[in-house]
Amino acid sequence: MIRAEISENDSAQRFSKNMGVDLYLGHAQFLDSQTVQVNGKELKFLKAVIATGGRPFVPPIPGLQDIKYYTSDNIFNLK
């Protein structure tokens, strides 16, 4: 699968274990310019990256459900 081929370079584990990045998953809210709260836990930082991800939008086009189409949710499962 395509996803297996790119997963080593595109995984959260790569950033946390190989690159020394502290990774927190969950609901986040900035409290001030150097503090973020993630799932109720306050974290101080010098630099922060917020990677929100996303979901594909499938437009309500008549007949679309009757054909095969690809989104980021299913394209990486191709063999």
Protein backbone atom coordinates (compact mmCIF):
# COMPACT_ATOMS: atom_id res chain seq x y z
CA MET A 1 0.00 0.00 0.00
CA ILE A 2 1.09 3.56 -0.64
CA ARG A 3 0.49 4.57 2.98
CA ALA A 4 2.96 1.95 4.20
CA GLU A 5 5.61 3.35 1.85
CA ILE A 6 5.35 6.92 3.17
CA SER A 7 4.44 6.20 6.80
CA GLU A 8 8.05 6.21 8.02
CA ASN A 9 8.48 9.81 6.85
CA ASP A 10 4.97 10.99 7.69
CA SER A 11 4.40 9.62 11.17
CA ALA A 12 4.05 11.22 14.57
CA GLN A 13 6.50 8.63 15.91
CA ARG A 14 9.26 9.95 13.61
CA PHE A 15 8.94 13.42 15.07
CA SER A 16 8.70 12.32 18.70
CA LYS A 17 11.35 9.58 18.79
CA ASN A 18 13.76 10.47 15.99
CA MET A 19 13.63 14.27 16.08
CA GLY A 20 13.15 14.99 19.79
CA VAL A 21 9.77 16.68 19.41
CA ASP A 22 7.36 16.59 22.35
CA LEU A 23 4.08 15.49 20.79
CA TYR A 24 0.67 15.96 22.40
CA LEU A 25 -2.56 14.81 20.77
CA GLY A 26 -5.90 16.26 21.76
CA HIS A 27 -7.87 19.46 22.18
CA ALA A 28 -5.53 22.45 22.59
CA GLN A 29 -6.01 26.05 23.64
CA PHE A 30 -3.42 28.81 23.94
CA LEU A 31 -3.48 30.39 27.38
CA ASP A 32 -0.82 33.01 26.63
CA SER A 33 2.18 33.50 24.33
CA GLN A 34 4.19 30.69 25.97
CA THR A 35 1.55 28.35 27.37
CA VAL A 36 -0.83 25.93 25.72
CA GLN A 37 -3.32 23.66 27.42
CA VAL A 38 -3.80 20.23 25.85
CA ASN A 39 -6.55 18.04 27.27
CA GLY A 40 -6.40 19.98 30.54
CA LYS A 41 -2.59 19.84 30.89
CA GLU A 42 -0.71 23.16 30.79
CA LEU A 43 2.50 23.12 28.75
CA LYS A 44 5.12 25.88 28.55
CA PHE A 45 7.02 26.29 25.28
CA LEU A 46 9.52 28.47 23.45
CA LYS A 47 8.20 27.43 20.02
CA ALA A 48 5.02 25.57 19.15
CA VAL A 49 3.64 23.96 16.02
CA ILE A 50 -0.05 23.24 15.74
CA ALA A 51 -0.77 20.55 13.15
CA THR A 52 -4.53 20.29 12.94
CA GLY A 53 -4.89 17.78 10.13
CA GLY A 54 -8.06 17.80 8.11
CA ARG A 55 -10.86 15.83 6.53
CA PRO A 56 -11.88 15.80 2.89
CA PHE A 57 -15.10 17.46 1.81
CA VAL A 58 -17.22 15.43 -0.58
CA PRO A 59 -19.51 17.85 -2.39
CA PRO A 60 -23.20 16.98 -2.70
CA ILE A 61 -23.08 16.32 -6.45
CA PRO A 62 -25.98 14.21 -7.74
CA GLY A 63 -24.72 10.78 -8.82
CA LEU A 64 -21.35 11.08 -7.09
CA GLN A 65 -22.24 8.30 -4.67
CA ASP A 66 -22.75 6.01 -7.67
CA ILE A 67 -19.17 6.27 -8.98
CA LYS A 68 -15.76 5.48 -7.58
CA TYR A 69 -13.99 8.63 -6.39
CA TYR A 70 -10.92 9.22 -4.26
CA THR A 71 -10.21 11.41 -1.27
CA SER A 72 -7.31 11.56 1.17
CA ASP A 73 -9.27 9.05 3.30
CA ASN A 74 -9.10 6.28 0.70
CA ILE A 75 -6.38 7.08 -1.85
CA PHE A 76 -3.57 5.84 0.38
CA ASN A 77 -5.17 2.40 0.63
CA LEU A 78 -4.54 1.70 -3.05
CA LYS A 79 -2.18 -1.15 -3.85
